[in-house]
């Protein structure tokens, strides 16, 4: 996951400013970001506090790690399956000849 140039606290502070009435265009100019970025943050982190945001990021990292592990295990299983099928075919053709 790409590292944000904004810290979690900065993101929460920007969202809080908007909740307190600061218009989105003004926030975007002030912080040098696009309105699309603001709305992504609001959809993802709106209503969270710092501990909830940290937990969400931990869960996202764990999910990414587990998906990678699963893909690796599926690949290993596929390799084992192909190896066993190859051994079975060679064993059957050896029985036919013998």
N, C-alpha and C. Protein backbone atom coordinates (compact mmCIF):
# COMPACT_ATOMS: atom_id res chain seq x y z
N UNK A 1 0.84 -1.17 0.00
CA UNK A 1 0.00 0.00 0.00
C UNK A 1 0.89 1.24 0.00
N UNK A 2 0.54 2.22 -0.83
CA UNK A 2 1.31 3.44 -0.96
C UNK A 2 1.18 4.28 0.30
N UNK A 3 2.28 4.87 0.71
CA UNK A 3 2.31 5.71 1.91
C UNK A 3 1.71 7.08 1.60
N UNK A 4 0.80 7.52 2.43
CA UNK A 4 0.16 8.83 2.26
C UNK A 4 1.12 9.93 2.71
N UNK A 5 1.02 11.08 2.05
CA UNK A 5 1.86 12.19 2.51
C UNK A 5 1.22 12.89 3.70
N UNK A 6 0.04 12.47 4.07
CA UNK A 6 -0.67 13.02 5.22
C UNK A 6 -0.70 11.97 6.33
N UNK A 7 -0.47 12.41 7.56
CA UNK A 7 -0.56 11.48 8.68
C UNK A 7 -2.03 11.23 9.00
N UNK A 8 -2.27 10.20 9.79
CA UNK A 8 -3.63 9.91 10.22
C UNK A 8 -4.24 11.10 10.96
N UNK A 9 -3.44 11.73 11.81
CA UNK A 9 -3.94 12.89 12.57
C UNK A 9 -4.30 14.04 11.64
N UNK A 10 -3.48 14.26 10.60
CA UNK A 10 -3.78 15.34 9.65
C UNK A 10 -5.09 15.06 8.91
N UNK A 11 -5.26 13.82 8.48
CA UNK A 11 -6.49 13.45 7.77
C UNK A 11 -7.70 13.68 8.67
N UNK A 12 -7.62 13.20 9.91
CA UNK A 12 -8.74 13.39 10.84
C UNK A 12 -8.99 14.87 11.11
N UNK A 13 -7.92 15.66 11.22
CA UNK A 13 -8.08 17.10 11.46
C UNK A 13 -8.76 17.78 10.28
N UNK A 14 -8.38 17.39 9.07
CA UNK A 14 -9.00 17.97 7.87
C UNK A 14 -10.48 17.62 7.82
N UNK A 15 -10.80 16.36 8.10
CA UNK A 15 -12.21 15.94 8.11
C UNK A 15 -12.99 16.68 9.19
N UNK A 16 -12.36 16.87 10.34
CA UNK A 16 -13.01 17.57 11.45
C UNK A 16 -13.28 19.03 11.08
N UNK A 17 -12.33 19.66 10.36
CA UNK A 17 -12.54 21.05 9.92
C UNK A 17 -13.79 21.14 9.06
N UNK A 18 -13.97 20.16 8.18
CA UNK A 18 -15.15 20.16 7.32
C UNK A 18 -16.42 19.97 8.14
N UNK A 19 -16.36 19.08 9.13
CA UNK A 19 -17.52 18.87 10.00
C UNK A 19 -17.89 20.16 10.74
N UNK A 20 -16.87 20.98 11.01
CA UNK A 20 -17.09 22.24 11.72
C UNK A 20 -17.45 23.39 10.79
N UNK A 21 -17.69 23.08 9.50
CA UNK A 21 -18.22 24.09 8.60
C UNK A 21 -17.27 24.66 7.56
N UNK A 22 -16.01 24.24 7.55
CA UNK A 22 -15.08 24.76 6.54
C UNK A 22 -15.42 24.08 5.21
N UNK A 23 -15.66 24.86 4.15
CA UNK A 23 -16.03 24.28 2.85
C UNK A 23 -14.90 23.43 2.25
N UNK A 24 -15.29 22.41 1.52
CA UNK A 24 -14.32 21.49 0.91
C UNK A 24 -13.33 22.22 0.00
N UNK A 25 -13.77 23.12 -0.90
CA UNK A 25 -12.79 23.80 -1.77
C UNK A 25 -11.73 24.56 -0.97
N UNK A 26 -12.15 25.18 0.12
CA UNK A 26 -11.21 25.93 0.96
C UNK A 26 -10.20 24.97 1.60
N UNK A 27 -10.68 23.86 2.13
CA UNK A 27 -9.78 22.85 2.72
C UNK A 27 -8.78 22.33 1.70
N UNK A 28 -9.27 22.07 0.51
CA UNK A 28 -8.40 21.52 -0.54
C UNK A 28 -7.30 22.51 -0.93
N UNK A 29 -7.66 23.77 -1.05
CA UNK A 29 -6.65 24.80 -1.37
C UNK A 29 -5.63 24.91 -0.23
N UNK A 30 -6.14 24.97 0.98
CA UNK A 30 -5.30 25.15 2.16
C UNK A 30 -4.30 24.00 2.32
N UNK A 31 -4.73 22.79 2.02
CA UNK A 31 -3.89 21.61 2.26
C UNK A 31 -3.26 21.04 0.98
N UNK A 32 -3.51 21.68 -0.15
CA UNK A 32 -2.89 21.25 -1.40
C UNK A 32 -3.31 19.86 -1.85
N UNK A 33 -4.59 19.63 -1.84
CA UNK A 33 -5.11 18.31 -2.24
C UNK A 33 -6.33 18.49 -3.12
N UNK A 34 -6.72 17.41 -3.78
CA UNK A 34 -7.89 17.46 -4.65
C UNK A 34 -9.16 17.20 -3.84
N UNK A 35 -10.26 17.65 -4.38
CA UNK A 35 -11.53 17.37 -3.71
C UNK A 35 -11.83 15.87 -3.75
N UNK A 36 -11.37 15.20 -4.82
CA UNK A 36 -11.58 13.74 -4.91
C UNK A 36 -10.90 13.04 -3.73
N UNK A 37 -9.69 13.50 -3.39
CA UNK A 37 -8.98 12.91 -2.25
C UNK A 37 -9.75 13.13 -0.95
N UNK A 38 -10.26 14.34 -0.78
CA UNK A 38 -11.05 14.63 0.41
C UNK A 38 -12.24 13.69 0.53
N UNK A 39 -12.97 13.53 -0.57
CA UNK A 39 -14.18 12.70 -0.51
C UNK A 39 -13.84 11.22 -0.32
N UNK A 40 -12.70 10.77 -0.82
CA UNK A 40 -12.26 9.40 -0.55
C UNK A 40 -12.01 9.22 0.95
N UNK A 41 -11.31 10.19 1.54
CA UNK A 41 -11.05 10.12 2.97
C UNK A 41 -12.35 10.14 3.76
N UNK A 42 -13.26 11.02 3.37
CA UNK A 42 -14.52 11.12 4.11
C UNK A 42 -15.30 9.82 4.04
N UNK A 43 -15.31 9.18 2.86
CA UNK A 43 -16.02 7.91 2.71
C UNK A 43 -15.37 6.82 3.55
N UNK A 44 -14.05 6.85 3.62
CA UNK A 44 -13.33 5.78 4.30
C UNK A 44 -13.20 6.03 5.81
N UNK A 45 -12.91 7.27 6.20
CA UNK A 45 -12.57 7.55 7.60
C UNK A 45 -13.57 8.44 8.33
N UNK A 46 -14.61 8.89 7.66
CA UNK A 46 -15.57 9.80 8.29
C UNK A 46 -16.16 9.20 9.55
N UNK A 47 -16.14 9.97 10.63
CA UNK A 47 -16.71 9.53 11.90
C UNK A 47 -15.78 8.69 12.75
N UNK A 48 -14.56 8.45 12.28
CA UNK A 48 -13.61 7.65 13.05
C UNK A 48 -12.75 8.54 13.94
N UNK A 49 -12.24 7.93 15.02
CA UNK A 49 -11.21 8.60 15.79
C UNK A 49 -9.87 7.95 15.45
N UNK A 50 -8.80 8.43 16.03
CA UNK A 50 -7.45 7.96 15.68
C UNK A 50 -7.27 6.46 15.93
N UNK A 51 -7.82 5.95 17.04
CA UNK A 51 -7.64 4.53 17.34
C UNK A 51 -8.41 3.65 16.36
N UNK A 52 -9.59 4.10 15.95
CA UNK A 52 -10.36 3.33 14.96
C UNK A 52 -9.65 3.34 13.61
N UNK A 53 -9.07 4.48 13.24
CA UNK A 53 -8.36 4.59 11.98
C UNK A 53 -7.13 3.67 11.98
N UNK A 54 -6.42 3.64 13.10
CA UNK A 54 -5.25 2.77 13.23
C UNK A 54 -5.67 1.31 13.09
N UNK A 55 -6.74 0.94 13.75
CA UNK A 55 -7.23 -0.45 13.70
C UNK A 55 -7.64 -0.83 12.28
N UNK A 56 -8.30 0.08 11.57
CA UNK A 56 -8.69 -0.17 10.19
C UNK A 56 -7.47 -0.45 9.33
N UNK A 57 -6.43 0.37 9.48
CA UNK A 57 -5.21 0.18 8.70
C UNK A 57 -4.53 -1.14 9.05
N UNK A 58 -4.53 -1.51 10.33
CA UNK A 58 -3.96 -2.80 10.74
C UNK A 58 -4.71 -3.95 10.08
N UNK A 59 -6.03 -3.86 10.07
CA UNK A 59 -6.84 -4.92 9.46
C UNK A 59 -6.63 -4.99 7.95
N UNK A 60 -6.48 -3.83 7.30
CA UNK A 60 -6.21 -3.82 5.86
C UNK A 60 -4.86 -4.46 5.56
N UNK A 61 -3.85 -4.17 6.39
CA UNK A 61 -2.52 -4.77 6.20
C UNK A 61 -2.58 -6.28 6.41
N UNK A 62 -3.30 -6.71 7.45
CA UNK A 62 -3.42 -8.14 7.72
C UNK A 62 -4.16 -8.84 6.57
N UNK A 63 -5.20 -8.22 6.07
CA UNK A 63 -5.96 -8.78 4.95
C UNK A 63 -5.06 -8.94 3.73
N UNK A 64 -4.26 -7.94 3.45
CA UNK A 64 -3.33 -7.99 2.31
C UNK A 64 -2.34 -9.14 2.49
N UNK A 65 -1.80 -9.27 3.71
CA UNK A 65 -0.84 -10.34 4.00
C UNK A 65 -1.48 -11.72 3.84
N UNK A 66 -2.70 -11.87 4.34
CA UNK A 66 -3.39 -13.16 4.24
C UNK A 66 -3.75 -13.51 2.79
N UNK A 67 -4.14 -12.52 2.01
CA UNK A 67 -4.43 -12.77 0.59
C UNK A 67 -3.18 -13.23 -0.14
N UNK A 68 -2.05 -12.64 0.19
CA UNK A 68 -0.78 -13.04 -0.43
C UNK A 68 -0.43 -14.47 -0.03
N UNK A 69 -0.60 -14.78 1.26
CA UNK A 69 -0.33 -16.15 1.74
C UNK A 69 -1.23 -17.15 1.04
N UNK A 70 -2.50 -16.82 0.90
CA UNK A 70 -3.45 -17.71 0.24
C UNK A 70 -3.04 -17.96 -1.20
N UNK A 71 -2.66 -16.90 -1.90
CA UNK A 71 -2.24 -17.05 -3.31
C UNK A 71 -1.02 -17.95 -3.41
N UNK A 72 -0.07 -17.78 -2.49
CA UNK A 72 1.13 -18.62 -2.50
C UNK A 72 0.78 -20.08 -2.23
N UNK A 73 -0.11 -20.32 -1.29
CA UNK A 73 -0.51 -21.70 -0.97
C UNK A 73 -1.27 -22.34 -2.12
N UNK A 74 -2.13 -21.57 -2.79
CA UNK A 74 -2.85 -22.10 -3.96
C UNK A 74 -1.87 -22.48 -5.06
N UNK A 75 -0.85 -21.66 -5.26
CA UNK A 75 0.17 -21.94 -6.26
C UNK A 75 0.93 -23.21 -5.92
N UNK A 76 1.30 -23.36 -4.65
CA UNK A 76 2.00 -24.58 -4.21
C UNK A 76 1.11 -25.81 -4.42
N UNK A 77 -0.17 -25.69 -4.10
CA UNK A 77 -1.09 -26.81 -4.27
C UNK A 77 -1.22 -27.18 -5.74
N UNK A 78 -1.27 -26.18 -6.61
CA UNK A 78 -1.36 -26.44 -8.05
C UNK A 78 -0.10 -27.14 -8.56
N UNK A 79 1.05 -26.72 -8.07
CA UNK A 79 2.31 -27.35 -8.47
C UNK A 79 2.34 -28.81 -8.00
N UNK A 80 1.91 -29.06 -6.75
CA UNK A 80 1.87 -30.44 -6.23
C UNK A 80 0.91 -31.29 -7.06
N UNK A 81 -0.24 -30.72 -7.40
CA UNK A 81 -1.24 -31.45 -8.18
C UNK A 81 -0.67 -31.84 -9.54
N UNK A 82 -0.01 -30.89 -10.21
CA UNK A 82 0.58 -31.18 -11.52
C UNK A 82 1.69 -32.22 -11.41
N UNK A 83 2.47 -32.15 -10.34
CA UNK A 83 3.55 -33.12 -10.15
C UNK A 83 2.97 -34.52 -9.93
N UNK A 84 1.92 -34.62 -9.12
CA UNK A 84 1.29 -35.92 -8.87
C UNK A 84 0.64 -36.48 -10.12
N UNK A 85 0.00 -35.62 -10.90
CA UNK A 85 -0.61 -36.08 -12.15
C UNK A 85 0.46 -36.59 -13.11
N UNK A 86 1.60 -35.91 -13.14
CA UNK A 86 2.71 -36.35 -13.99
C UNK A 86 3.25 -37.70 -13.55
N UNK A 87 3.38 -37.90 -12.24
CA UNK A 87 3.86 -39.19 -11.72
C UNK A 87 2.86 -40.29 -12.02
N UNK A 88 1.58 -40.00 -11.88
CA UNK A 88 0.55 -41.00 -12.14
C UNK A 88 0.57 -41.41 -13.61
N UNK A 89 0.69 -40.44 -14.51
CA UNK A 89 0.74 -40.76 -15.94
C UNK A 89 1.96 -41.61 -16.26
N UNK A 90 3.12 -41.26 -15.70
CA UNK A 90 4.32 -42.05 -15.99
C UNK A 90 4.21 -43.44 -15.38
N UNK A 91 3.58 -43.56 -14.23
CA UNK A 91 3.40 -44.86 -13.58
C UNK A 91 2.45 -45.74 -14.42
N UNK A 92 1.36 -45.14 -14.92
CA UNK A 92 0.41 -45.91 -15.73
C UNK A 92 1.03 -46.35 -17.06
N UNK A 93 1.80 -45.49 -17.69
CA UNK A 93 2.42 -45.88 -18.96
C UNK A 93 3.50 -46.94 -18.71
N UNK A 94 4.15 -46.93 -17.57
CA UNK A 94 5.14 -47.96 -17.26
C UNK A 94 4.45 -49.30 -17.02
N UNK A 95 3.26 -49.30 -16.43
CA UNK A 95 2.51 -50.54 -16.19
C UNK A 95 2.04 -51.15 -17.51
N UNK A 96 1.63 -50.28 -18.45
CA UNK A 96 1.16 -50.78 -19.74
C UNK A 96 2.30 -51.47 -20.49
N UNK A 97 3.50 -50.94 -20.39
CA UNK A 97 4.65 -51.51 -21.09
C UNK A 97 5.12 -52.79 -20.42
N UNK A 98 4.97 -52.86 -19.13
CA UNK A 98 5.53 -53.98 -18.38
C UNK A 98 4.62 -55.10 -18.19
